[in-house]
C-alpha atoms as a PDB file:
ATOM      1  CA  GLN A   1      -3.990 -13.874  11.680  1.00  0.00           C
ATOM      2  CA  VAL A   2      -4.347 -10.228  10.867  1.00  0.00           C
ATOM      3  CA  GLN A   3      -7.332  -8.233   9.445  1.00  0.00           C
ATOM      4  CA  LEU A   4      -6.704  -5.222   7.263  1.00  0.00           C
ATOM      5  CA  VAL A   5      -8.979  -2.218   6.393  1.00  0.00           C
ATOM      6  CA  GLU A   6      -7.984   0.399   4.005  1.00  0.00           C
ATOM      7  CA  SER A   7      -9.192   4.039   3.806  1.00  0.00           C
ATOM      8  CA  GLY A   8      -8.231   7.315   2.213  1.00  0.00           C
ATOM      9  CA  GLY A   9      -9.023   6.667  -1.401  1.00  0.00           C
ATOM     10  CA  GLY A  10     -11.085   9.044  -3.510  1.00  0.00           C
ATOM     11  CA  LEU A  11     -11.088  11.216  -6.635  1.00  0.00           C
ATOM     12  CA  VAL A  12      -8.140  13.624  -7.097  1.00  0.00           C
ATOM     13  CA  GLN A  13      -6.883  15.740  -9.978  1.00  0.00           C
ATOM     14  CA  ALA A  14      -3.631  14.885 -11.746  1.00  0.00           C
ATOM     15  CA  GLY A  15      -0.708  16.457  -9.800  1.00  0.00           C
ATOM     16  CA  GLY A  16      -2.552  16.143  -6.547  1.00  0.00           C
ATOM     17  CA  SER A  17      -1.866  14.012  -3.400  1.00  0.00           C
ATOM     18  CA  LEU A  18      -3.671  11.472  -1.384  1.00  0.00           C
ATOM     19  CA  ARG A  19      -2.670   9.485   1.792  1.00  0.00           C
ATOM     20  CA  LEU A  20      -3.960   5.941   2.080  1.00  0.00           C
ATOM     21  CA  SER A  21      -4.170   4.298   5.446  1.00  0.00           C
ATOM     22  CA  CYS A  22      -4.391   0.596   6.440  1.00  0.00           C
ATOM     23  CA  ALA A  23      -5.538  -0.347   9.888  1.00  0.00           C
ATOM     24  CA  ALA A  24      -4.533  -3.794  11.130  1.00  0.00           C
ATOM     25  CA  SER A  25      -6.142  -5.789  13.842  1.00  0.00           C
ATOM     26  CA  GLY A  26      -5.190  -9.098  15.206  1.00  0.00           C
ATOM     27  CA  ARG A  27      -2.061 -10.433  16.803  1.00  0.00           C
ATOM     28  CA  SER A  28       1.515  -9.254  16.537  1.00  0.00           C
ATOM     29  CA  PHE A  29       1.208  -6.380  13.853  1.00  0.00           C
ATOM     30  CA  SER A  30       4.993  -5.682  14.222  1.00  0.00           C
ATOM     31  CA  SER A  31       5.829  -9.157  13.070  1.00  0.00           C
ATOM     32  CA  TYR A  32       4.410  -8.589   9.682  1.00  0.00           C
ATOM     33  CA  ALA A  33       5.960  -6.924   6.635  1.00  0.00           C
ATOM     34  CA  MET A  34       3.424  -4.715   4.914  1.00  0.00           C
ATOM     35  CA  ALA A  35       2.931  -3.708   1.389  1.00  0.00           C
ATOM     36  CA  TRP A  36       0.647  -1.874  -1.005  1.00  0.00           C
ATOM     37  CA  PHE A  37      -0.643  -3.311  -4.252  1.00  0.00           C
ATOM     38  CA  ARG A  38      -2.914  -1.947  -6.952  1.00  0.00           C
ATOM     39  CA  GLN A  39      -5.059  -3.271  -9.670  1.00  0.00           C
ATOM     40  CA  ALA A  40      -6.297  -1.177 -12.520  1.00  0.00           C
ATOM     41  CA  PRO A  41      -9.312  -2.318 -14.687  1.00  0.00           C
ATOM     42  CA  GLY A  42      -8.329  -4.976 -17.037  1.00  0.00           C
ATOM     43  CA  LYS A  43      -4.811  -5.303 -15.652  1.00  0.00           C
ATOM     44  CA  GLU A  44      -3.003  -7.622 -13.208  1.00  0.00           C
ATOM     45  CA  ARG A  45      -2.447  -6.694  -9.661  1.00  0.00           C
ATOM     46  CA  GLU A  46       0.950  -5.018  -9.227  1.00  0.00           C
ATOM     47  CA  PHE A  47       3.244  -4.306  -6.363  1.00  0.00           C
ATOM     48  CA  VAL A  48       3.500  -0.681  -5.346  1.00  0.00           C
ATOM     49  CA  ALA A  49       5.507  -0.453  -2.208  1.00  0.00           C
ATOM     50  CA  GLY A  50       6.612  -2.516   0.708  1.00  0.00           C
ATOM     51  CA  ILE A  51       8.035  -1.974   4.157  1.00  0.00           C
ATOM     52  CA  GLY A  52       9.857  -4.287   6.578  1.00  0.00           C
ATOM     53  CA  GLN A  53       8.715  -5.173  10.077  1.00  0.00           C
ATOM     54  CA  ARG A  54      10.729  -2.444  11.864  1.00  0.00           C
ATOM     55  CA  GLY A  55      10.179   0.109   9.079  1.00  0.00           C
ATOM     56  CA  ASP A  56      13.948   0.224   8.207  1.00  0.00           C
ATOM     57  CA  SER A  57      13.641  -1.291   4.785  1.00  0.00           C
ATOM     58  CA  THR A  58      11.373  -0.085   1.971  1.00  0.00           C
ATOM     59  CA  TYR A  59      10.897  -1.064  -1.664  1.00  0.00           C
ATOM     60  CA  TYR A  60       9.106   0.715  -4.426  1.00  0.00           C
ATOM     61  CA  ALA A  61       7.938   0.029  -7.876  1.00  0.00           C
ATOM     62  CA  ASP A  62       9.863   1.937 -10.445  1.00  0.00           C
ATOM     63  CA  SER A  63       6.673   3.695 -11.560  1.00  0.00           C
ATOM     64  CA  VAL A  64       6.094   5.206  -8.183  1.00  0.00           C
ATOM     65  CA  LYS A  65       9.671   5.747  -6.912  1.00  0.00           C
ATOM     66  CA  GLY A  66      10.145   9.340  -5.818  1.00  0.00           C
ATOM     67  CA  ARG A  67       6.418  10.075  -5.698  1.00  0.00           C
ATOM     68  CA  PHE A  68       5.030   7.556  -3.187  1.00  0.00           C
ATOM     69  CA  THR A  69       6.226   6.950   0.447  1.00  0.00           C
ATOM     70  CA  ILE A  70       5.227   3.959   2.510  1.00  0.00           C
ATOM     71  CA  SER A  71       5.472   4.229   6.273  1.00  0.00           C
ATOM     72  CA  ARG A  72       4.186   2.397   9.348  1.00  0.00           C
ATOM     73  CA  ASP A  73       3.409   3.085  12.952  1.00  0.00           C
ATOM     74  CA  ASN A  74       3.619  -0.158  14.989  1.00  0.00           C
ATOM     75  CA  GLY A  75       2.255   1.533  18.053  1.00  0.00           C
ATOM     76  CA  LYS A  76      -0.937   2.213  16.156  1.00  0.00           C
ATOM     77  CA  ASN A  77      -1.050  -0.835  13.959  1.00  0.00           C
ATOM     78  CA  MET A  78      -1.162   1.337  10.922  1.00  0.00           C
ATOM     79  CA  VAL A  79       0.591   1.486   7.604  1.00  0.00           C
ATOM     80  CA  TYR A  80       0.368   4.479   5.182  1.00  0.00           C
ATOM     81  CA  LEU A  81       0.972   5.295   1.585  1.00  0.00           C
ATOM     82  CA  GLN A  82       1.520   8.919   0.872  1.00  0.00           C
ATOM     83  CA  MET A  83       0.982   9.557  -2.832  1.00  0.00           C
ATOM     84  CA  THR A  84       2.099  12.782  -4.557  1.00  0.00           C
ATOM     85  CA  THR A  85       2.226  14.078  -7.989  1.00  0.00           C
ATOM     86  CA  LEU A  86      -0.506  11.651  -8.990  1.00  0.00           C
ATOM     87  CA  ARG A  87      -1.059  10.645 -12.607  1.00  0.00           C
ATOM     88  CA  SER A  88      -4.003   9.221 -14.520  1.00  0.00           C
ATOM     89  CA  GLU A  89      -2.170   5.934 -14.714  1.00  0.00           C
ATOM     90  CA  ASP A  90      -2.159   5.655 -10.960  1.00  0.00           C
ATOM     91  CA  THR A  91      -5.963   5.026 -11.093  1.00  0.00           C
ATOM     92  CA  ALA A  92      -6.576   1.664  -9.438  1.00  0.00           C
ATOM     93  CA  VAL A  93      -7.965  -0.184  -6.529  1.00  0.00           C
ATOM     94  CA  TYR A  94      -5.169  -0.053  -3.848  1.00  0.00           C
ATOM     95  CA  SER A  95      -4.926  -2.999  -1.423  1.00  0.00           C
ATOM     96  CA  CYS A  96      -2.971  -3.470   1.701  1.00  0.00           C
ATOM     97  CA  ALA A  97      -1.182  -6.689   2.312  1.00  0.00           C
ATOM     98  CA  ALA A  98       0.673  -8.336   5.223  1.00  0.00           C
ATOM     99  CA  GLY A  99       2.956 -11.322   5.405  1.00  0.00           C
ATOM    100  CA  PHE A 100       6.284 -12.522   6.875  1.00  0.00           C
ATOM    101  CA  VAL A 101       8.611 -12.192   3.956  1.00  0.00           C
ATOM    102  CA  LEU A 102       9.227  -8.975   2.062  1.00  0.00           C
ATOM    103  CA  GLY A 103      11.048  -8.832  -1.231  1.00  0.00           C
ATOM    104  CA  VAL A 104      11.807  -6.170  -3.718  1.00  0.00           C
ATOM    105  CA  ARG A 105       8.680  -7.002  -5.662  1.00  0.00           C
ATOM    106  CA  GLY A 106       6.261  -7.851  -2.831  1.00  0.00           C
ATOM    107  CA  ILE A 107       5.351 -10.199  -0.021  1.00  0.00           C
ATOM    108  CA  TYR A 108       5.967 -13.848  -0.401  1.00  0.00           C
ATOM    109  CA  GLY A 109       4.414 -16.877   1.327  1.00  0.00           C
ATOM    110  CA  ASP A 110       1.189 -16.594   3.362  1.00  0.00           C
ATOM    111  CA  THR A 111      -0.343 -13.192   2.635  1.00  0.00           C
ATOM    112  CA  TYR A 112      -3.388 -11.412   4.216  1.00  0.00           C
ATOM    113  CA  TRP A 113      -5.267  -8.839   2.180  1.00  0.00           C
ATOM    114  CA  GLY A 114      -7.607  -5.955   2.772  1.00  0.00           C
ATOM    115  CA  GLN A 115     -10.656  -5.199   0.662  1.00  0.00           C
ATOM    116  CA  GLY A 116      -9.113  -2.304  -1.190  1.00  0.00           C
ATOM    117  CA  THR A 117      -9.853   1.318  -1.624  1.00  0.00           C
ATOM    118  CA  GLN A 118     -10.382   3.067  -4.927  1.00  0.00           C
ATOM    119  CA  VAL A 119      -8.083   5.772  -6.119  1.00  0.00           C
ATOM    120  CA  THR A 120      -9.273   7.787  -9.298  1.00  0.00           C
ATOM    121  CA  VAL A 121      -6.927  10.354 -10.758  1.00  0.00           C
ATOM    122  CA  SER A 122      -8.583  12.744 -13.232  1.00  0.00           C
ATOM    123  CA  SER A 123      -6.514  14.335 -15.999  1.00  0.00           C
END
Protein backbone atom coordinates (compact mmCIF):
# COMPACT_ATOMS: atom_id res chain seq x y z
CA GLN A 1 0.00 0.00 0.00
CA VAL A 2 1.06 3.60 -0.60
CA GLN A 3 0.09 6.83 1.16
CA LEU A 4 -0.04 10.05 -0.82
CA VAL A 5 0.13 13.67 0.34
CA GLU A 6 -0.27 16.57 -2.06
CA SER A 7 1.05 20.10 -1.63
CA GLY A 8 1.65 23.24 -3.64
CA GLY A 9 -1.87 24.40 -4.31
CA GLY A 10 -2.97 27.97 -3.85
CA LEU A 11 -4.38 31.08 -5.45
CA VAL A 12 -2.84 32.29 -8.69
CA GLN A 13 -3.81 34.77 -11.37
CA ALA A 14 -4.77 33.62 -14.82
CA GLY A 15 -1.67 33.15 -16.93
CA GLY A 16 0.42 32.24 -13.91
CA SER A 17 2.10 29.01 -12.89
CA LEU A 18 2.06 26.55 -10.01
CA ARG A 19 3.87 23.33 -9.25
CA LEU A 20 2.04 20.64 -7.35
CA SER A 21 3.92 17.96 -5.47
CA CYS A 22 2.82 14.55 -4.27
CA ALA A 23 4.87 12.76 -1.64
CA ALA A 24 4.45 9.00 -1.46
CA SER A 25 5.25 6.77 1.46
CA GLY A 26 5.02 3.04 1.75
CA ARG A 27 6.51 0.26 -0.23
CA SER A 28 7.85 0.18 -3.76
CA PHE A 29 6.95 3.63 -5.07
CA SER A 30 8.65 2.85 -8.37
CA SER A 31 6.23 -0.01 -8.99
CA TYR A 32 3.28 2.38 -9.21
CA ALA A 33 2.08 4.39 -12.13
CA MET A 34 1.08 7.85 -10.96
CA ALA A 35 -1.52 10.34 -12.08
CA TRP A 36 -3.14 13.64 -11.28
CA PHE A 37 -6.88 14.13 -11.31
CA ARG A 38 -8.97 17.18 -10.55
CA GLN A 39 -12.52 17.91 -9.49
CA ALA A 40 -14.17 21.28 -9.87
CA PRO A 41 -17.28 22.22 -7.84
CA GLY A 42 -20.35 20.52 -9.24
CA LYS A 43 -18.35 18.49 -11.75
CA GLU A 44 -17.11 14.93 -12.02
CA ARG A 45 -13.52 14.10 -11.23
CA GLU A 46 -11.42 14.16 -14.39
CA PHE A 47 -8.05 12.82 -15.42
CA VAL A 48 -5.36 15.46 -15.88
CA ALA A 49 -2.05 13.66 -16.46
CA GLY A 50 -0.41 10.30 -15.88
CA ILE A 51 3.12 8.91 -15.86
CA GLY A 52 4.42 5.36 -16.06
CA GLN A 53 6.52 3.59 -13.46
CA ARG A 54 9.85 4.54 -15.08
CA GLY A 55 8.69 7.99 -16.17
CA ASP A 56 9.12 7.15 -19.84
CA SER A 57 5.44 7.31 -20.75
CA THR A 58 3.14 10.23 -20.08
CA TYR A 59 -0.46 11.01 -20.95
CA TYR A 60 -2.39 14.26 -20.74
CA ALA A 61 -5.95 15.40 -21.01
CA ASP A 62 -6.51 17.47 -24.13
CA SER A 63 -7.46 20.47 -21.98
CA VAL A 64 -4.01 20.66 -20.38
CA LYS A 65 -1.76 19.37 -23.15
CA GLY A 66 1.07 21.81 -23.81
CA ARG A 67 0.47 23.67 -20.53
CA PHE A 68 0.97 21.02 -17.83
CA THR A 69 3.90 18.65 -17.34
CA ILE A 70 3.92 15.59 -15.10
CA SER A 71 7.19 14.20 -13.79
CA ARG A 72 8.44 11.88 -11.09
CA ASP A 73 11.54 11.30 -9.01
CA ASN A 74 11.66 7.67 -7.90
CA GLY A 75 14.66 8.36 -5.68
CA LYS A 76 12.61 10.83 -3.67
CA ASN A 77 9.22 9.10 -3.93
CA MET A 78 7.77 12.24 -5.48
CA VAL A 79 5.56 13.09 -8.41
CA TYR A 80 5.03 16.62 -9.68
CA LEU A 81 2.63 18.55 -11.84
CA GLN A 82 4.03 21.74 -13.34
CA MET A 83 1.14 23.92 -14.44
CA THR A 84 1.66 26.95 -16.66
CA THR A 85 -0.59 29.42 -18.45
CA LEU A 86 -3.30 28.69 -15.91
CA ARG A 87 -6.92 29.49 -16.74
CA SER A 88 -9.94 30.04 -14.56
CA GLU A 89 -11.31 26.69 -15.74
CA ASP A 90 -8.29 24.97 -14.15
CA THR A 91 -9.73 25.84 -10.72
CA ALA A 92 -10.32 22.56 -8.88
CA VAL A 93 -9.13 20.25 -6.14
CA TYR A 94 -6.17 18.34 -7.56
CA SER A 95 -5.54 14.82 -6.29
CA CYS A 96 -2.65 12.47 -6.74
CA ALA A 97 -3.33 8.81 -7.51
CA ALA A 98 -1.25 5.64 -7.64
CA GLY A 99 -1.93 2.30 -9.25
CA PHE A 100 -0.40 -0.45 -11.31
CA VAL A 101 -2.06 0.10 -14.67
CA LEU A 102 -1.82 3.40 -16.54
CA GLY A 103 -3.94 4.18 -19.54
CA VAL A 104 -4.46 7.20 -21.72
CA ARG A 105 -7.36 8.32 -19.53
CA GLY A 106 -6.12 7.36 -16.07
CA ILE A 107 -5.20 4.58 -13.71
CA TYR A 108 -7.15 1.33 -13.75
CA GLY A 109 -7.63 -1.32 -11.14
CA ASP A 110 -6.80 -0.76 -7.50
CA THR A 111 -6.06 2.93 -7.00
CA TYR A 112 -4.74 4.85 -4.01
CA TRP A 113 -5.65 8.51 -3.53
CA GLY A 114 -4.29 11.53 -1.74
CA GLN A 115 -6.54 14.02 0.04
CA GLY A 116 -6.17 16.72 -2.60
CA THR A 117 -4.93 20.29 -2.79
CA GLN A 118 -6.97 23.29 -3.89
CA VAL A 119 -5.93 25.29 -6.93
CA THR A 120 -7.80 28.53 -7.56
CA VAL A 121 -7.13 30.60 -10.66
CA SER A 122 -8.47 34.14 -10.59
CA SER A 123 -9.34 35.87 -13.83
